N, C-alpha and C. Protein backbone atom coordinates (compact mmCIF):
# COMPACT_ATOMS: atom_id res chain seq x y z
N MET A 1 14.73 45.01 62.69
CA MET A 1 14.67 46.05 61.51
C MET A 1 16.06 45.67 60.95
N VAL A 2 16.10 45.76 59.65
CA VAL A 2 17.23 45.60 58.74
C VAL A 2 17.91 46.91 58.49
N ALA A 3 19.17 47.06 58.64
CA ALA A 3 19.86 48.31 58.27
C ALA A 3 20.43 48.17 56.92
N ILE A 4 20.31 49.11 56.00
CA ILE A 4 20.90 49.06 54.71
C ILE A 4 22.28 49.93 54.87
N MET A 5 23.29 49.36 54.41
CA MET A 5 24.61 50.05 54.46
C MET A 5 24.62 51.19 53.44
N PRO A 6 25.12 52.33 53.59
CA PRO A 6 25.04 53.29 52.50
C PRO A 6 25.77 52.94 51.20
N GLN A 7 27.03 52.29 51.37
CA GLN A 7 27.67 51.96 50.17
C GLN A 7 26.95 51.07 49.38
N ARG A 8 26.18 50.02 49.97
CA ARG A 8 25.36 49.05 49.08
C ARG A 8 24.29 49.79 48.49
N PHE A 9 23.70 50.64 49.07
CA PHE A 9 22.43 51.48 48.44
C PHE A 9 22.98 52.20 47.28
N HIS A 10 24.08 52.96 47.45
CA HIS A 10 24.72 53.82 46.34
C HIS A 10 25.12 53.02 45.18
N ARG A 11 25.70 51.78 45.46
CA ARG A 11 26.23 51.00 44.37
C ARG A 11 24.92 50.44 43.53
N ASN A 12 24.02 49.96 44.20
CA ASN A 12 22.69 49.59 43.57
C ASN A 12 22.06 50.56 42.61
N VAL A 13 21.85 51.77 43.22
CA VAL A 13 21.30 52.88 42.57
C VAL A 13 22.16 53.17 41.35
N THR A 14 23.51 53.31 41.55
CA THR A 14 24.45 53.67 40.40
C THR A 14 24.37 52.65 39.34
N TYR A 15 24.23 51.36 39.64
CA TYR A 15 24.22 50.32 38.61
C TYR A 15 22.94 50.39 37.78
N ARG A 16 21.80 50.76 38.44
CA ARG A 16 20.63 50.84 37.87
C ARG A 16 20.54 52.03 36.94
N LEU A 17 21.08 53.06 37.33
CA LEU A 17 21.09 54.33 36.49
C LEU A 17 22.02 54.19 35.39
N LEU A 18 23.15 53.39 35.58
CA LEU A 18 24.11 53.12 34.43
C LEU A 18 23.33 52.16 33.38
N ALA A 19 22.77 51.31 33.79
CA ALA A 19 22.01 50.36 32.93
C ALA A 19 20.96 51.03 32.13
N LEU A 20 20.35 52.16 32.66
CA LEU A 20 19.41 52.85 31.85
C LEU A 20 20.18 54.03 30.86
N TRP A 21 21.29 54.48 31.42
CA TRP A 21 21.93 55.46 30.61
C TRP A 21 22.79 54.90 29.40
N LEU A 22 23.43 53.68 29.70
CA LEU A 22 24.40 53.22 28.63
C LEU A 22 23.76 52.97 27.27
N PRO A 23 22.55 52.48 27.06
CA PRO A 23 21.97 52.45 25.71
C PRO A 23 21.88 53.59 25.05
N THR A 24 21.82 54.70 25.67
CA THR A 24 21.73 56.07 24.94
C THR A 24 23.06 56.65 24.72
N LEU A 25 24.16 56.06 25.18
CA LEU A 25 25.47 56.58 25.01
C LEU A 25 25.90 56.85 23.54
N GLY A 26 25.62 55.85 22.62
CA GLY A 26 25.97 56.00 21.28
C GLY A 26 25.12 57.00 20.43
N THR A 27 23.91 57.34 20.97
CA THR A 27 23.04 58.10 20.21
C THR A 27 23.07 59.48 20.71
N SER A 28 22.91 60.50 19.77
CA SER A 28 22.77 61.79 20.28
C SER A 28 21.51 62.42 19.84
N ALA A 29 21.13 63.43 20.51
CA ALA A 29 19.72 63.97 20.13
C ALA A 29 19.79 64.55 18.84
N ALA A 30 18.70 64.45 18.02
CA ALA A 30 18.65 65.00 16.56
C ALA A 30 18.83 66.38 16.68
N GLN A 31 19.60 66.93 15.69
CA GLN A 31 19.83 68.41 15.56
C GLN A 31 18.83 68.89 14.65
N ALA A 32 18.40 70.12 15.04
CA ALA A 32 17.49 70.89 14.17
C ALA A 32 18.32 71.52 13.08
N ALA A 33 17.68 71.54 11.89
CA ALA A 33 18.39 72.17 10.74
C ALA A 33 17.38 72.94 9.86
N ASP A 34 17.97 73.70 9.02
CA ASP A 34 17.16 74.59 8.09
C ASP A 34 16.44 73.84 6.89
N ILE A 35 15.40 74.22 6.54
CA ILE A 35 14.78 73.67 5.31
C ILE A 35 14.85 74.89 4.24
N ARG A 36 15.52 74.74 3.20
CA ARG A 36 15.61 75.76 2.23
C ARG A 36 14.69 75.46 1.06
N VAL A 37 13.71 76.31 0.79
CA VAL A 37 12.79 76.10 -0.38
C VAL A 37 13.23 76.94 -1.58
N GLN A 38 13.54 76.39 -2.69
CA GLN A 38 13.84 76.95 -3.93
C GLN A 38 12.65 77.18 -4.79
N LEU A 39 12.38 78.31 -5.23
CA LEU A 39 11.18 78.62 -6.01
C LEU A 39 11.46 78.63 -7.52
N ASN A 40 10.80 77.88 -8.27
CA ASN A 40 10.96 77.84 -9.76
C ASN A 40 9.75 78.31 -10.40
N GLY A 41 9.86 79.42 -11.11
CA GLY A 41 8.74 79.98 -11.97
C GLY A 41 8.52 81.37 -11.52
N ASP A 42 7.74 82.11 -12.33
CA ASP A 42 7.44 83.51 -12.01
C ASP A 42 6.71 83.70 -10.71
N ARG A 43 7.09 84.71 -10.02
CA ARG A 43 6.59 85.11 -8.67
C ARG A 43 6.44 86.63 -8.67
N PRO A 44 5.52 87.29 -9.36
CA PRO A 44 5.38 88.74 -9.22
C PRO A 44 4.43 89.03 -8.04
N GLY A 45 5.09 89.05 -6.86
CA GLY A 45 4.36 89.36 -5.56
C GLY A 45 4.97 88.76 -4.34
N VAL A 46 4.47 88.90 -3.29
CA VAL A 46 4.98 88.38 -2.09
C VAL A 46 4.62 86.92 -1.92
N VAL A 47 5.64 86.04 -1.52
CA VAL A 47 5.48 84.60 -1.38
C VAL A 47 5.12 84.31 0.00
N HIS A 48 4.00 83.53 0.06
CA HIS A 48 3.56 83.20 1.48
C HIS A 48 3.77 81.62 1.43
N ALA A 49 4.54 81.08 2.42
CA ALA A 49 4.78 79.68 2.60
C ALA A 49 4.45 79.16 3.88
N SER A 50 3.95 77.94 3.96
CA SER A 50 3.59 77.32 5.21
C SER A 50 4.15 75.86 5.31
N LEU A 51 4.61 75.59 6.46
CA LEU A 51 5.36 74.14 6.74
C LEU A 51 4.29 73.39 7.64
N HIS A 52 4.05 72.24 7.09
CA HIS A 52 3.07 71.35 7.82
C HIS A 52 3.57 69.94 8.21
N ALA A 53 3.23 69.36 9.07
CA ALA A 53 3.58 68.00 9.49
C ALA A 53 2.91 67.07 8.51
N ALA A 54 3.60 66.18 7.93
CA ALA A 54 3.04 65.33 6.78
C ALA A 54 2.02 64.37 7.18
N ASP A 55 1.94 64.11 8.38
CA ASP A 55 0.76 63.21 8.90
C ASP A 55 -0.53 63.93 9.26
N ASP A 56 -0.59 65.27 8.97
CA ASP A 56 -1.87 66.02 9.09
C ASP A 56 -2.70 65.65 7.95
N GLN A 57 -3.99 65.65 8.22
CA GLN A 57 -4.83 65.27 7.10
C GLN A 57 -5.29 66.40 6.17
N ASP A 58 -4.93 67.63 6.53
CA ASP A 58 -5.19 68.71 5.72
C ASP A 58 -4.16 69.81 5.88
N TRP A 59 -4.32 70.90 5.22
CA TRP A 59 -3.40 72.05 5.28
C TRP A 59 -3.74 73.15 6.36
N LYS A 60 -4.69 72.87 7.09
CA LYS A 60 -5.27 73.93 7.93
C LYS A 60 -4.35 74.33 9.17
N SER A 61 -3.57 73.52 9.63
CA SER A 61 -2.72 73.71 10.80
C SER A 61 -1.27 73.88 10.64
N PRO A 62 -0.75 74.89 9.93
CA PRO A 62 0.73 74.98 9.78
C PRO A 62 1.62 75.04 11.01
N LEU A 63 2.68 74.42 10.88
CA LEU A 63 3.58 74.54 12.06
C LEU A 63 4.36 75.80 12.03
N ARG A 64 4.64 76.43 10.91
CA ARG A 64 5.25 77.73 10.66
C ARG A 64 4.75 78.36 9.40
N GLN A 65 4.79 79.66 9.33
CA GLN A 65 4.38 80.39 8.14
C GLN A 65 5.54 81.51 7.99
N ILE A 66 5.86 81.62 6.67
CA ILE A 66 6.81 82.76 6.33
C ILE A 66 6.34 83.40 5.17
N ARG A 67 6.70 84.66 4.99
CA ARG A 67 6.48 85.42 3.63
C ARG A 67 7.74 86.14 3.34
N GLY A 68 7.85 86.36 2.04
CA GLY A 68 9.18 87.01 1.52
C GLY A 68 9.13 87.22 0.07
N ASN A 69 10.06 88.00 -0.42
CA ASN A 69 10.14 88.35 -1.88
C ASN A 69 11.51 87.74 -2.48
N SER A 70 12.10 86.91 -1.66
CA SER A 70 13.46 86.46 -2.10
C SER A 70 13.42 85.25 -3.11
N ASP A 71 14.41 84.85 -3.63
CA ASP A 71 14.56 83.72 -4.47
C ASP A 71 14.18 82.34 -3.74
N GLY A 72 14.22 82.41 -2.47
CA GLY A 72 13.89 81.18 -1.71
C GLY A 72 13.41 81.52 -0.35
N ILE A 73 12.88 80.53 0.29
CA ILE A 73 12.31 80.70 1.61
C ILE A 73 13.06 79.70 2.51
N ILE A 74 13.35 80.17 3.69
CA ILE A 74 14.04 79.29 4.67
C ILE A 74 13.31 79.17 5.96
N PHE A 75 12.98 77.83 6.26
CA PHE A 75 12.42 77.53 7.58
C PHE A 75 13.58 77.23 8.51
N GLU A 76 13.83 78.03 9.57
CA GLU A 76 15.06 77.73 10.29
C GLU A 76 14.86 76.78 11.46
N ASP A 77 15.97 76.07 11.81
CA ASP A 77 15.91 75.21 12.97
C ASP A 77 14.62 74.33 13.10
N VAL A 78 14.48 73.42 12.16
CA VAL A 78 13.29 72.55 12.11
C VAL A 78 13.86 71.14 12.58
N SER A 79 13.16 70.60 13.41
CA SER A 79 13.55 69.23 13.94
C SER A 79 13.32 68.13 12.77
N PRO A 80 14.14 67.08 12.87
CA PRO A 80 13.93 66.13 11.81
C PRO A 80 12.59 65.52 11.96
N GLY A 81 12.12 65.07 10.67
CA GLY A 81 10.74 64.51 10.57
C GLY A 81 10.28 64.64 9.19
N ARG A 82 9.00 64.20 8.92
CA ARG A 82 8.37 64.32 7.65
C ARG A 82 7.50 65.50 7.65
N TYR A 83 7.61 66.51 6.46
CA TYR A 83 7.04 67.63 6.31
C TYR A 83 6.47 67.75 5.00
N ALA A 84 5.59 68.90 4.74
CA ALA A 84 5.10 69.12 3.49
C ALA A 84 4.99 70.71 3.45
N VAL A 85 5.28 71.28 2.32
CA VAL A 85 5.32 72.85 2.20
C VAL A 85 4.29 73.23 1.15
N GLN A 86 3.48 74.12 1.42
CA GLN A 86 2.61 74.74 0.48
C GLN A 86 2.80 76.22 0.38
N LEU A 87 2.79 76.83 -0.75
CA LEU A 87 2.97 78.17 -0.99
C LEU A 87 2.10 78.90 -1.92
N PHE A 88 1.90 80.06 -1.98
CA PHE A 88 1.18 80.99 -2.98
C PHE A 88 1.95 82.19 -3.11
N VAL A 89 1.71 82.78 -4.26
CA VAL A 89 2.31 84.14 -4.66
C VAL A 89 1.15 85.13 -4.56
N ASP A 90 1.22 86.08 -3.71
CA ASP A 90 0.05 87.04 -3.49
C ASP A 90 0.26 88.12 -4.48
N SER A 91 -0.30 87.92 -5.72
CA SER A 91 -0.09 88.79 -6.75
C SER A 91 -0.79 90.19 -6.58
N ASN A 92 -1.91 90.21 -5.93
CA ASN A 92 -2.49 91.53 -5.67
C ASN A 92 -2.30 92.14 -4.29
N GLY A 93 -1.45 91.51 -3.55
CA GLY A 93 -1.01 92.08 -2.18
C GLY A 93 -2.15 92.14 -1.14
N ASN A 94 -3.14 91.23 -1.21
CA ASN A 94 -4.24 91.41 -0.18
C ASN A 94 -3.93 90.35 1.06
N GLY A 95 -2.74 89.55 1.00
CA GLY A 95 -2.42 88.83 2.02
C GLY A 95 -3.11 87.48 2.14
N GLN A 96 -3.90 87.09 1.15
CA GLN A 96 -4.60 85.81 1.13
C GLN A 96 -4.54 85.19 -0.26
N LEU A 97 -4.69 83.92 -0.37
CA LEU A 97 -4.91 83.19 -1.60
C LEU A 97 -6.26 83.31 -2.24
N ASP A 98 -6.42 84.03 -3.33
CA ASP A 98 -7.67 84.19 -3.93
C ASP A 98 -8.10 82.93 -4.71
N VAL A 99 -9.37 82.53 -4.48
CA VAL A 99 -9.75 81.37 -5.23
C VAL A 99 -11.18 81.69 -5.82
N SER A 100 -11.53 80.90 -6.79
CA SER A 100 -12.75 81.07 -7.55
C SER A 100 -13.86 80.56 -6.58
N PRO A 101 -15.09 80.78 -7.05
CA PRO A 101 -16.28 80.24 -6.32
C PRO A 101 -16.08 78.71 -6.16
N ARG A 102 -15.52 78.01 -7.11
CA ARG A 102 -15.36 76.53 -7.04
C ARG A 102 -14.15 76.15 -6.27
N GLY A 103 -13.34 77.06 -5.75
CA GLY A 103 -12.18 76.87 -4.96
C GLY A 103 -10.92 76.64 -5.73
N ILE A 104 -10.88 77.12 -7.00
CA ILE A 104 -9.67 76.94 -7.88
C ILE A 104 -8.79 78.27 -7.63
N PRO A 105 -7.49 78.08 -7.23
CA PRO A 105 -6.64 79.21 -6.96
C PRO A 105 -6.54 80.18 -8.13
N GLN A 106 -6.69 81.45 -7.93
CA GLN A 106 -6.49 82.46 -8.97
C GLN A 106 -5.12 83.15 -8.88
N GLU A 107 -4.34 82.67 -8.02
CA GLU A 107 -3.04 83.12 -7.94
C GLU A 107 -1.97 81.98 -7.95
N PRO A 108 -0.74 82.19 -8.42
CA PRO A 108 0.21 81.03 -8.50
C PRO A 108 0.34 80.29 -7.09
N VAL A 109 0.49 78.95 -7.22
CA VAL A 109 0.62 78.08 -6.01
C VAL A 109 1.67 77.02 -6.31
N GLY A 110 2.12 76.49 -5.27
CA GLY A 110 3.13 75.38 -5.24
C GLY A 110 3.12 74.54 -4.09
N PHE A 111 3.51 73.26 -4.23
CA PHE A 111 3.63 72.30 -3.20
C PHE A 111 4.92 71.47 -3.16
N SER A 112 5.48 71.20 -2.07
CA SER A 112 6.58 70.30 -2.13
C SER A 112 6.22 69.03 -2.72
N GLY A 113 7.38 68.43 -3.46
CA GLY A 113 6.99 67.30 -4.26
C GLY A 113 6.54 67.43 -5.60
N ASN A 114 6.06 68.75 -5.92
CA ASN A 114 5.49 69.20 -7.15
C ASN A 114 4.46 68.23 -7.65
N PRO A 115 3.37 67.91 -6.89
CA PRO A 115 2.37 66.93 -7.47
C PRO A 115 1.60 67.64 -8.52
N GLY A 116 0.99 66.81 -9.36
CA GLY A 116 0.07 67.39 -10.40
C GLY A 116 -1.17 68.05 -9.59
N LEU A 117 -1.77 68.98 -10.22
CA LEU A 117 -2.84 69.59 -9.67
C LEU A 117 -4.21 69.43 -10.48
N PHE A 118 -4.14 68.42 -11.35
CA PHE A 118 -5.26 68.11 -12.18
C PHE A 118 -6.56 67.71 -11.27
N ARG A 119 -6.28 67.00 -10.27
CA ARG A 119 -7.39 66.47 -9.41
C ARG A 119 -7.59 67.48 -8.22
N GLY A 120 -7.03 68.73 -8.24
CA GLY A 120 -7.21 69.66 -7.21
C GLY A 120 -6.00 69.61 -6.37
N LYS A 121 -6.32 70.31 -5.12
CA LYS A 121 -5.20 70.48 -4.23
C LYS A 121 -4.70 69.07 -3.62
N PRO A 122 -3.38 68.84 -3.56
CA PRO A 122 -2.98 67.40 -3.05
C PRO A 122 -3.01 67.42 -1.57
N ASP A 123 -2.98 66.29 -0.93
CA ASP A 123 -2.94 66.19 0.41
C ASP A 123 -1.55 66.22 1.00
N THR A 124 -1.29 66.37 2.32
CA THR A 124 0.03 66.61 2.81
C THR A 124 0.91 65.33 2.42
N GLN A 125 0.23 64.13 2.53
CA GLN A 125 1.12 62.92 2.26
C GLN A 125 1.60 62.92 0.80
N GLY A 126 0.86 63.38 -0.22
CA GLY A 126 1.39 63.45 -1.50
C GLY A 126 2.43 64.50 -1.70
N SER A 127 2.67 65.38 -0.83
CA SER A 127 3.56 66.45 -0.92
C SER A 127 4.57 66.22 0.12
N ALA A 128 4.82 65.17 0.81
CA ALA A 128 5.74 64.98 1.90
C ALA A 128 7.18 64.79 1.49
N PHE A 129 8.12 65.12 2.34
CA PHE A 129 9.51 64.87 2.13
C PHE A 129 10.06 64.68 3.57
N GLU A 130 11.22 63.99 3.59
CA GLU A 130 11.91 63.74 4.83
C GLU A 130 13.08 64.71 5.08
N HIS A 131 12.98 65.26 6.21
CA HIS A 131 13.89 66.43 6.71
C HIS A 131 14.83 65.59 7.92
N GLY A 132 16.14 65.49 7.63
CA GLY A 132 16.98 64.84 8.61
C GLY A 132 17.63 65.96 9.49
N ASP A 133 18.76 65.63 10.06
CA ASP A 133 19.35 66.52 11.02
C ASP A 133 20.31 67.47 10.19
N GLY A 134 20.36 67.32 8.83
CA GLY A 134 21.23 68.26 8.13
C GLY A 134 20.27 69.19 7.29
N GLU A 135 20.73 70.16 6.69
CA GLU A 135 19.95 71.11 5.91
C GLU A 135 19.26 70.39 4.80
N SER A 136 17.98 70.67 4.51
CA SER A 136 17.29 70.02 3.39
C SER A 136 17.03 71.00 2.37
N GLN A 137 16.93 70.59 1.10
CA GLN A 137 16.77 71.47 -0.10
C GLN A 137 15.43 71.01 -0.74
N VAL A 138 14.51 71.86 -0.84
CA VAL A 138 13.14 71.60 -1.51
C VAL A 138 12.93 72.44 -2.67
N ALA A 139 12.90 71.93 -3.83
CA ALA A 139 12.49 72.77 -4.96
C ALA A 139 10.96 72.54 -5.30
N ILE A 140 10.35 73.73 -5.38
CA ILE A 140 8.97 73.95 -5.56
C ILE A 140 8.74 74.58 -6.94
N LYS A 141 7.90 74.01 -7.84
CA LYS A 141 7.58 74.76 -9.10
C LYS A 141 6.22 75.56 -8.82
N ILE A 142 6.38 76.83 -9.10
CA ILE A 142 5.15 77.60 -8.92
C ILE A 142 4.18 77.53 -10.16
N ARG A 143 2.92 77.18 -9.92
CA ARG A 143 2.07 76.91 -11.04
C ARG A 143 1.09 78.01 -11.02
N GLN A 144 0.69 78.48 -12.18
CA GLN A 144 -0.39 79.54 -12.33
C GLN A 144 -1.39 78.89 -13.12
N ARG A 145 -2.69 79.25 -12.73
CA ARG A 145 -3.87 78.76 -13.46
C ARG A 145 -3.76 79.60 -14.80
N ARG A 146 -4.05 78.95 -15.85
CA ARG A 146 -4.00 79.49 -17.15
C ARG A 146 -5.52 79.90 -17.32
N PRO A 147 -5.65 81.18 -17.97
CA PRO A 147 -6.96 81.57 -18.18
C PRO A 147 -7.58 80.86 -19.26
N ALA A 148 -8.95 80.66 -19.24
CA ALA A 148 -9.58 79.84 -20.16
C ALA A 148 -9.48 80.53 -21.59
N ALA A 149 -9.10 79.66 -22.57
CA ALA A 149 -9.20 80.12 -23.99
C ALA A 149 -10.37 80.75 -24.46
N PRO A 150 -10.41 81.82 -25.16
CA PRO A 150 -11.69 82.25 -25.67
C PRO A 150 -12.36 81.31 -26.57
N ALA A 151 -13.60 81.22 -26.45
CA ALA A 151 -14.37 80.28 -27.36
C ALA A 151 -14.27 80.73 -28.83
N ARG A 152 -14.16 79.77 -29.61
CA ARG A 152 -14.01 80.07 -31.00
C ARG A 152 -15.50 80.35 -31.62
N ALA A 153 -15.50 81.29 -32.54
CA ALA A 153 -16.73 81.59 -33.14
C ALA A 153 -17.15 80.53 -34.15
N GLN A 154 -18.42 80.07 -34.01
CA GLN A 154 -18.93 79.06 -34.85
C GLN A 154 -19.36 79.68 -36.06
N PRO A 155 -19.07 78.94 -37.17
CA PRO A 155 -19.50 79.49 -38.53
C PRO A 155 -21.05 79.50 -38.66
N GLY A 156 -21.41 80.71 -39.15
CA GLY A 156 -22.92 81.00 -39.25
C GLY A 156 -23.63 80.06 -40.20
N HIS A 157 -24.81 79.88 -39.89
CA HIS A 157 -25.67 79.09 -40.96
C HIS A 157 -26.59 79.94 -41.66
N GLY A 158 -26.48 79.83 -43.00
CA GLY A 158 -27.54 80.72 -43.68
C GLY A 158 -27.02 81.95 -44.12
N GLY A 159 -27.71 82.81 -44.80
CA GLY A 159 -27.01 84.01 -45.24
C GLY A 159 -27.75 85.10 -45.58
């Protein structure tokens, strides 16, 4: 039977642990920081905002949700990563985004990155932004669906 001397055992274990630990010496854990959302546009009502991971395929699983009446929304202590924000202004106070039978928002909406809404609701990738270990500022333009213009009267035929 071979006996291992305690000094040799501790030295081997210590060197192995040092070899694993040294590469991480220069790196520090990423710090969580706030994401401040600045709202541009009219907002007569409570603002509901949700933060999503940018790699999600849809907007159904928010990481966080906030509501407020202030000039801005703050998501506090968010880890670095790629995110997307969607928001709506609850004009009638019912706590949900009202949509038409075709799914068109009837209340003001906004998305990070301010994508065009001509083709409908953007995906999270189209609204993504990078959040580092410092505070991030995201400006979102609130867009309101314009009511359809009244049809013009056609000139009558005959008399």
